[in-house]
Amino acid sequence: MAAAQGRLSDGAGGMDDEKDTGEADRNDGNAAPPAFRAAVEALRAARLRPQVEVDPAPAPQRLAPFAYALEAAVVDGGQDLADGRLVLLHDPAGHDAWRGTFRLVTLVRAELEPEMAADPLLPEVCWSWLTGALQARGLGYGDPSGTVTRASSHYFGGLSERPAASQIEIRASWTPREGMGGVPDTAAHLASWCDLLAQVAGLPPAAPGDASVVSLPQRRGPQSR
């Protein structure tokens, strides 16, 4: 799997430079609060569209007292089209910046055609994919924040035969609405995040006729695994 790299937002839109632990899930054992254990179990049990491959990943070490992380790649026809990372944070005492006790933090990225990356409206469209994916599943959330970054690579010298490459990267966080027992519907939030990954990858929506989905007009060719 092409695991997403880089630092994650702390829930307030900034980048955090803390290092990850070597464990896939930290503090989600018997010592963790019941609400966090339930939220993690829902993530593990979620059923997702087959093109999205999800695996546990090292969780951030000091962003919150309890954390669980997943990484994912959109794979279609043996090709990686996009990848990302989703982190569930939990602070039983609450967090002023989150306005809640849970926070979801994400990094999503994919390669694009340079012409598409140059579109001045691309950042706004990508952000609307995130909020639209949550709204399409009827999910309540608050205090969203994040960045959309476009980057271009040009090759020279011994690498000059490589074509220029452009990448889009979405870093975001939001506070999921808590339900019964103070537990958010993390399975539904994971499904909406996978919808976002699929959109960034240029795949059609899982539900035919979903008007909330805006397809990419151009895509760079798939990357070999």
C-alpha atoms as a PDB file:
ATOM      1  CA  MET A   1       0.000   0.000   0.000  1.00  0.00           C
ATOM      2  CA  ALA A   2       1.167   3.538  -0.688  1.00  0.00           C
ATOM      3  CA  ALA A   3       0.897   4.900   2.833  1.00  0.00           C
ATOM      4  CA  ALA A   4       0.331   8.613   3.279  1.00  0.00           C
ATOM      5  CA  GLN A   5       3.330  10.424   4.699  1.00  0.00           C
ATOM      6  CA  GLY A   6       3.741  13.739   6.480  1.00  0.00           C
ATOM      7  CA  ARG A   7       2.563  15.399   9.669  1.00  0.00           C
ATOM      8  CA  LEU A   8      -1.034  15.722  10.697  1.00  0.00           C
ATOM      9  CA  SER A   9      -3.130  18.630  11.860  1.00  0.00           C
ATOM     10  CA  ASP A  10      -3.732  18.943  15.578  1.00  0.00           C
ATOM     11  CA  GLY A  11      -7.383  19.794  15.036  1.00  0.00           C
ATOM     12  CA  ALA A  12      -6.939  23.538  14.702  1.00  0.00           C
ATOM     13  CA  GLY A  13      -5.653  23.642  11.149  1.00  0.00           C
ATOM     14  CA  GLY A  14      -1.927  23.767  11.956  1.00  0.00           C
ATOM     15  CA  MET A  15       0.715  21.119  11.398  1.00  0.00           C
ATOM     16  CA  ASP A  16       2.106  19.127  14.278  1.00  0.00           C
ATOM     17  CA  ASP A  17       5.675  17.817  14.355  1.00  0.00           C
ATOM     18  CA  GLU A  18       5.271  15.091  16.965  1.00  0.00           C
ATOM     19  CA  LYS A  19       6.628  11.682  16.027  1.00  0.00           C
ATOM     20  CA  ASP A  20       4.403   8.622  15.753  1.00  0.00           C
ATOM     21  CA  THR A  21       4.534   5.629  18.010  1.00  0.00           C
ATOM     22  CA  GLY A  22       5.427   2.210  16.699  1.00  0.00           C
ATOM     23  CA  GLU A  23       1.975   0.868  17.537  1.00  0.00           C
ATOM     24  CA  ALA A  24      -1.034   0.781  15.259  1.00  0.00           C
ATOM     25  CA  ASP A  25      -3.376   1.898  18.025  1.00  0.00           C
ATOM     26  CA  ARG A  26      -2.321   3.573  21.228  1.00  0.00           C
ATOM     27  CA  ASN A  27      -4.253   3.368  24.500  1.00  0.00           C
ATOM     28  CA  ASP A  28      -7.208   1.542  23.004  1.00  0.00           C
ATOM     29  CA  GLY A  29      -6.938  -1.433  25.372  1.00  0.00           C
ATOM     30  CA  ASN A  30      -8.810  -2.077  28.575  1.00  0.00           C
ATOM     31  CA  ALA A  31      -7.425   1.118  30.175  1.00  0.00           C
ATOM     32  CA  ALA A  32      -9.048   3.308  27.510  1.00  0.00           C
ATOM     33  CA  PRO A  33     -12.442   4.943  28.175  1.00  0.00           C
ATOM     34  CA  PRO A  34     -15.457   2.920  26.974  1.00  0.00           C
ATOM     35  CA  ALA A  35     -16.411   5.672  24.498  1.00  0.00           C
ATOM     36  CA  PHE A  36     -13.016   5.498  22.809  1.00  0.00           C
ATOM     37  CA  ARG A  37     -13.026   1.696  22.719  1.00  0.00           C
ATOM     38  CA  ALA A  38     -16.467   1.733  21.107  1.00  0.00           C
ATOM     39  CA  ALA A  39     -15.382   4.321  18.537  1.00  0.00           C
ATOM     40  CA  VAL A  40     -12.316   2.261  17.605  1.00  0.00           C
ATOM     41  CA  GLU A  41     -14.289  -0.968  17.337  1.00  0.00           C
ATOM     42  CA  ALA A  42     -16.725   0.761  14.972  1.00  0.00           C
ATOM     43  CA  LEU A  43     -13.803   1.798  12.760  1.00  0.00           C
ATOM     44  CA  ARG A  44     -12.471  -1.744  12.702  1.00  0.00           C
ATOM     45  CA  ALA A  45     -15.868  -3.222  11.834  1.00  0.00           C
ATOM     46  CA  ALA A  46     -16.797  -0.723   9.098  1.00  0.00           C
ATOM     47  CA  ARG A  47     -17.628  -2.142   5.664  1.00  0.00           C
ATOM     48  CA  LEU A  48     -16.156  -0.044   2.868  1.00  0.00           C
ATOM     49  CA  ARG A  49     -16.143   0.067  -0.915  1.00  0.00           C
ATOM     50  CA  PRO A  50     -13.780  -2.581  -2.329  1.00  0.00           C
ATOM     51  CA  GLN A  51     -11.455  -0.153  -4.134  1.00  0.00           C
ATOM     52  CA  VAL A  52     -10.308   1.342  -0.807  1.00  0.00           C
ATOM     53  CA  GLU A  53      -7.721  -0.754   1.048  1.00  0.00           C
ATOM     54  CA  VAL A  54      -7.506   0.211   4.732  1.00  0.00           C
ATOM     55  CA  ASP A  55      -4.934  -0.888   7.314  1.00  0.00           C
ATOM     56  CA  PRO A  56      -4.000   0.188  10.867  1.00  0.00           C
ATOM     57  CA  ALA A  57      -1.147   2.689  11.098  1.00  0.00           C
ATOM     58  CA  PRO A  58       1.068   4.166  13.842  1.00  0.00           C
ATOM     59  CA  ALA A  59      -0.923   6.678  15.892  1.00  0.00           C
ATOM     60  CA  PRO A  60       0.344  10.165  16.837  1.00  0.00           C
ATOM     61  CA  GLN A  61       2.046  10.115  20.213  1.00  0.00           C
ATOM     62  CA  ARG A  62       1.138  13.354  21.955  1.00  0.00           C
ATOM     63  CA  LEU A  63      -1.786  14.961  20.150  1.00  0.00           C
ATOM     64  CA  ALA A  64      -4.320  13.506  22.589  1.00  0.00           C
ATOM     65  CA  PRO A  65      -4.460  11.053  25.500  1.00  0.00           C
ATOM     66  CA  PHE A  66      -5.933   8.400  23.180  1.00  0.00           C
ATOM     67  CA  ALA A  67      -5.413   7.956  19.450  1.00  0.00           C
ATOM     68  CA  TYR A  68      -6.059   5.425  16.714  1.00  0.00           C
ATOM     69  CA  ALA A  69      -4.884   5.702  13.102  1.00  0.00           C
ATOM     70  CA  LEU A  70      -5.682   4.157   9.740  1.00  0.00           C
ATOM     71  CA  GLU A  71      -4.020   4.484   6.350  1.00  0.00           C
ATOM     72  CA  ALA A  72      -5.694   3.765   3.040  1.00  0.00           C
ATOM     73  CA  ALA A  73      -5.016   3.535  -0.671  1.00  0.00           C
ATOM     74  CA  VAL A  74      -7.513   3.657  -3.505  1.00  0.00           C
ATOM     75  CA  VAL A  75      -6.634   0.710  -5.726  1.00  0.00           C
ATOM     76  CA  ASP A  76      -8.383  -0.020  -9.007  1.00  0.00           C
ATOM     77  CA  GLY A  77      -7.151  -2.551 -11.535  1.00  0.00           C
ATOM     78  CA  GLY A  78      -3.964  -3.079  -9.538  1.00  0.00           C
ATOM     79  CA  GLN A  79      -3.110   0.636  -9.679  1.00  0.00           C
ATOM     80  CA  ASP A  80      -2.771   3.085  -6.764  1.00  0.00           C
ATOM     81  CA  LEU A  81      -4.843   6.183  -7.529  1.00  0.00           C
ATOM     82  CA  ALA A  82      -4.750   8.047  -4.199  1.00  0.00           C
ATOM     83  CA  ASP A  83      -3.742   7.492  -0.603  1.00  0.00           C
ATOM     84  CA  GLY A  84      -4.402   8.982   2.793  1.00  0.00           C
ATOM     85  CA  ARG A  85      -4.422   8.700   6.536  1.00  0.00           C
ATOM     86  CA  LEU A  86      -7.199   9.134   9.097  1.00  0.00           C
ATOM     87  CA  VAL A  87      -6.583   9.599  12.827  1.00  0.00           C
ATOM     88  CA  LEU A  88      -9.154   9.441  15.614  1.00  0.00           C
ATOM     89  CA  LEU A  89      -8.185  11.515  18.665  1.00  0.00           C
ATOM     90  CA  HIS A  90      -9.918  11.417  22.046  1.00  0.00           C
ATOM     91  CA  ASP A  91      -9.524  13.565  25.137  1.00  0.00           C
ATOM     92  CA  PRO A  92     -12.104  12.627  27.801  1.00  0.00           C
ATOM     93  CA  ALA A  93     -11.641  16.034  29.430  1.00  0.00           C
ATOM     94  CA  GLY A  94     -12.518  17.825  26.206  1.00  0.00           C
ATOM     95  CA  HIS A  95     -10.434  20.192  24.104  1.00  0.00           C
ATOM     96  CA  ASP A  96     -11.150  23.896  23.643  1.00  0.00           C
ATOM     97  CA  ALA A  97     -10.096  23.909  19.980  1.00  0.00           C
ATOM     98  CA  TRP A  98     -12.198  20.829  19.188  1.00  0.00           C
ATOM     99  CA  ARG A  99     -15.339  21.865  21.123  1.00  0.00           C
ATOM    100  CA  GLY A 100     -15.767  18.192  21.950  1.00  0.00           C
ATOM    101  CA  THR A 101     -13.945  15.116  23.209  1.00  0.00           C
ATOM    102  CA  PHE A 102     -13.241  13.528  19.794  1.00  0.00           C
ATOM    103  CA  ARG A 103     -11.453  14.860  16.729  1.00  0.00           C
ATOM    104  CA  LEU A 104     -10.832  13.335  13.302  1.00  0.00           C
ATOM    105  CA  VAL A 105      -7.679  14.362  11.438  1.00  0.00           C
ATOM    106  CA  THR A 106      -6.878  13.465   7.845  1.00  0.00           C
ATOM    107  CA  LEU A 107      -4.308  13.661   5.094  1.00  0.00           C
ATOM    108  CA  VAL A 108      -5.385  12.805   1.525  1.00  0.00           C
ATOM    109  CA  ARG A 109      -3.283  13.109  -1.616  1.00  0.00           C
ATOM    110  CA  ALA A 110      -3.247  12.200  -5.305  1.00  0.00           C
ATOM    111  CA  GLU A 111      -1.462  13.144  -8.505  1.00  0.00           C
ATOM    112  CA  LEU A 112      -3.170  15.337 -11.093  1.00  0.00           C
ATOM    113  CA  GLU A 113      -2.579  16.564 -14.589  1.00  0.00           C
ATOM    114  CA  PRO A 114      -0.637  19.870 -14.448  1.00  0.00           C
ATOM    115  CA  GLU A 115      -3.490  21.651 -16.249  1.00  0.00           C
ATOM    116  CA  MET A 116      -5.942  20.529 -13.582  1.00  0.00           C
ATOM    117  CA  ALA A 117      -3.573  21.497 -10.774  1.00  0.00           C
ATOM    118  CA  ALA A 118      -3.335  25.000 -12.245  1.00  0.00           C
ATOM    119  CA  ASP A 119      -7.102  25.556 -12.017  1.00  0.00           C
ATOM    120  CA  PRO A 120      -7.560  28.507  -9.607  1.00  0.00           C
ATOM    121  CA  LEU A 121     -10.786  26.990  -8.259  1.00  0.00           C
ATOM    122  CA  LEU A 122      -9.236  23.626  -7.412  1.00  0.00           C
ATOM    123  CA  PRO A 123      -8.644  24.305  -3.673  1.00  0.00           C
ATOM    124  CA  GLU A 124     -12.249  25.380  -3.124  1.00  0.00           C
ATOM    125  CA  VAL A 125     -13.534  22.372  -5.062  1.00  0.00           C
ATOM    126  CA  CYS A 126     -11.384  19.953  -3.057  1.00  0.00           C
ATOM    127  CA  TRP A 127     -12.582  21.424   0.228  1.00  0.00           C
ATOM    128  CA  SER A 128     -16.172  21.077  -0.960  1.00  0.00           C
ATOM    129  CA  TRP A 129     -15.486  17.377  -1.628  1.00  0.00           C
ATOM    130  CA  LEU A 130     -14.640  16.932   2.055  1.00  0.00           C
ATOM    131  CA  THR A 131     -17.651  18.779   3.438  1.00  0.00           C
ATOM    132  CA  GLY A 132     -19.902  17.298   0.744  1.00  0.00           C
ATOM    133  CA  ALA A 133     -18.836  13.745   1.630  1.00  0.00           C
ATOM    134  CA  LEU A 134     -19.832  14.330   5.261  1.00  0.00           C
ATOM    135  CA  GLN A 135     -23.106  16.016   4.369  1.00  0.00           C
ATOM    136  CA  ALA A 136     -24.034  13.335   1.830  1.00  0.00           C
ATOM    137  CA  ARG A 137     -24.153  10.785   4.660  1.00  0.00           C
ATOM    138  CA  GLY A 138     -26.056  13.111   6.958  1.00  0.00           C
ATOM    139  CA  LEU A 139     -23.213  13.381   9.456  1.00  0.00           C
ATOM    140  CA  GLY A 140     -23.108  16.093  12.071  1.00  0.00           C
ATOM    141  CA  TYR A 141     -19.735  17.747  12.618  1.00  0.00           C
ATOM    142  CA  GLY A 142     -18.264  20.984  13.864  1.00  0.00           C
ATOM    143  CA  ASP A 143     -15.247  23.275  13.687  1.00  0.00           C
ATOM    144  CA  PRO A 144     -13.769  21.993  10.414  1.00  0.00           C
ATOM    145  CA  SER A 145     -10.354  23.364   9.478  1.00  0.00           C
ATOM    146  CA  GLY A 146      -7.592  22.499   7.081  1.00  0.00           C
ATOM    147  CA  THR A 147      -5.535  23.257   4.006  1.00  0.00           C
ATOM    148  CA  VAL A 148      -5.526  22.288   0.332  1.00  0.00           C
ATOM    149  CA  THR A 149      -2.052  22.341  -1.211  1.00  0.00           C
ATOM    150  CA  ARG A 150      -0.951  22.044  -4.815  1.00  0.00           C
ATOM    151  CA  ALA A 151       2.638  21.052  -5.588  1.00  0.00           C
ATOM    152  CA  SER A 152       4.497  20.598  -8.875  1.00  0.00           C
ATOM    153  CA  SER A 153       7.700  18.673  -9.569  1.00  0.00           C
ATOM    154  CA  HIS A 154       9.944  19.285 -12.584  1.00  0.00           C
ATOM    155  CA  TYR A 155      12.836  16.965 -13.380  1.00  0.00           C
ATOM    156  CA  PHE A 156      16.317  17.844 -14.651  1.00  0.00           C
ATOM    157  CA  GLY A 157      19.618  16.214 -15.520  1.00  0.00           C
ATOM    158  CA  GLY A 158      19.476  12.446 -15.268  1.00  0.00           C
ATOM    159  CA  LEU A 159      15.760  12.664 -14.494  1.00  0.00           C
ATOM    160  CA  SER A 160      14.880  15.033 -17.333  1.00  0.00           C
ATOM    161  CA  GLU A 161      12.983  12.355 -19.256  1.00  0.00           C
ATOM    162  CA  ARG A 162      10.349  12.196 -16.540  1.00  0.00           C
ATOM    163  CA  PRO A 163       7.254  14.299 -17.212  1.00  0.00           C
ATOM    164  CA  ALA A 164       6.352  17.093 -14.818  1.00  0.00           C
ATOM    165  CA  ALA A 165       4.147  15.881 -11.968  1.00  0.00           C
ATOM    166  CA  SER A 166       1.512  17.724  -9.947  1.00  0.00           C
ATOM    167  CA  GLN A 167      -0.001  16.638  -6.659  1.00  0.00           C
ATOM    168  CA  ILE A 168      -3.000  17.738  -4.625  1.00  0.00           C
ATOM    169  CA  GLU A 169      -2.950  17.320  -0.862  1.00  0.00           C
ATOM    170  CA  ILE A 170      -5.820  17.845   1.576  1.00  0.00           C
ATOM    171  CA  ARG A 171      -5.091  18.148   5.296  1.00  0.00           C
ATOM    172  CA  ALA A 172      -8.142  18.640   7.469  1.00  0.00           C
ATOM    173  CA  SER A 173      -9.740  17.985  10.825  1.00  0.00           C
ATOM    174  CA  TRP A 174     -13.246  18.161  12.232  1.00  0.00           C
ATOM    175  CA  THR A 175     -15.165  17.321  15.397  1.00  0.00           C
ATOM    176  CA  PRO A 176     -17.681  14.503  14.881  1.00  0.00           C
ATOM    177  CA  ARG A 177     -21.014  14.896  16.639  1.00  0.00           C
ATOM    178  CA  GLU A 178     -21.241  12.560  19.615  1.00  0.00           C
ATOM    179  CA  GLY A 179     -24.187  10.203  19.902  1.00  0.00           C
ATOM    180  CA  MET A 180     -25.430   7.920  22.650  1.00  0.00           C
ATOM    181  CA  GLY A 181     -22.861   7.338  25.370  1.00  0.00           C
ATOM    182  CA  GLY A 182     -20.757  10.151  23.970  1.00  0.00           C
ATOM    183  CA  VAL A 183     -19.663   7.999  21.013  1.00  0.00           C
ATOM    184  CA  PRO A 184     -19.578   9.472  17.478  1.00  0.00           C
ATOM    185  CA  ASP A 185     -20.581   7.383  14.473  1.00  0.00           C
ATOM    186  CA  THR A 186     -16.991   6.723  13.466  1.00  0.00           C
ATOM    187  CA  ALA A 187     -17.928   4.026  10.957  1.00  0.00           C
ATOM    188  CA  ALA A 188     -20.002   6.528   8.977  1.00  0.00           C
ATOM    189  CA  HIS A 189     -17.243   9.138   9.193  1.00  0.00           C
ATOM    190  CA  LEU A 190     -14.778   6.554   7.882  1.00  0.00           C
ATOM    191  CA  ALA A 191     -17.137   5.743   5.005  1.00  0.00           C
ATOM    192  CA  SER A 192     -17.433   9.439   4.132  1.00  0.00           C
ATOM    193  CA  TRP A 193     -13.648   9.761   4.246  1.00  0.00           C
ATOM    194  CA  CYS A 194     -13.390   6.845   1.814  1.00  0.00           C
ATOM    195  CA  ASP A 195     -15.891   8.667  -0.414  1.00  0.00           C
ATOM    196  CA  LEU A 196     -13.507  11.635  -0.378  1.00  0.00           C
ATOM    197  CA  LEU A 197     -10.559   9.397  -1.265  1.00  0.00           C
ATOM    198  CA  ALA A 198     -12.517   7.924  -4.156  1.00  0.00           C
ATOM    199  CA  GLN A 199     -13.411  11.391  -5.456  1.00  0.00           C
ATOM    200  CA  VAL A 200      -9.811  12.563  -5.308  1.00  0.00           C
ATOM    201  CA  ALA A 201      -8.824   9.363  -7.122  1.00  0.00           C
ATOM    202  CA  GLY A 202     -11.323  10.114  -9.890  1.00  0.00           C
ATOM    203  CA  LEU A 203     -13.584   7.105  -9.245  1.00  0.00           C
ATOM    204  CA  PRO A 204     -17.344   7.354  -9.766  1.00  0.00           C
ATOM    205  CA  PRO A 205     -19.485   7.655  -6.626  1.00  0.00           C
ATOM    206  CA  ALA A 206     -20.525   4.457  -4.872  1.00  0.00           C
ATOM    207  CA  ALA A 207     -24.190   5.463  -5.112  1.00  0.00           C
ATOM    208  CA  PRO A 208     -25.279   6.187  -8.720  1.00  0.00           C
ATOM    209  CA  GLY A 209     -26.787   9.610  -9.212  1.00  0.00           C
ATOM    210  CA  ASP A 210     -25.275  11.171  -6.085  1.00  0.00           C
ATOM    211  CA  ALA A 211     -25.493  14.875  -6.900  1.00  0.00           C
ATOM    212  CA  SER A 212     -23.023  15.816  -4.154  1.00  0.00           C
ATOM    213  CA  VAL A 213     -20.131  14.299  -6.109  1.00  0.00           C
ATOM    214  CA  VAL A 214     -18.134  16.481  -8.488  1.00  0.00           C
ATOM    215  CA  SER A 215     -15.882  14.360 -10.712  1.00  0.00           C
ATOM    216  CA  LEU A 216     -12.370  15.315 -11.721  1.00  0.00           C
ATOM    217  CA  PRO A 217     -12.346  16.361 -15.394  1.00  0.00           C
ATOM    218  CA  GLN A 218      -8.732  15.193 -15.837  1.00  0.00           C
ATOM    219  CA  ARG A 219      -6.582  12.677 -14.041  1.00  0.00           C
ATOM    220  CA  ARG A 220      -2.937  11.711 -14.321  1.00  0.00           C
ATOM    221  CA  GLY A 221      -2.465   8.052 -15.263  1.00  0.00           C
ATOM    222  CA  PRO A 222      -2.544   5.526 -12.417  1.00  0.00           C
ATOM    223  CA  GLN A 223       0.670   4.827 -10.532  1.00  0.00           C
ATOM    224  CA  SER A 224       1.979   1.249 -10.630  1.00  0.00           C
ATOM    225  CA  ARG A 225       2.030  -0.635  -7.355  1.00  0.00           C
END
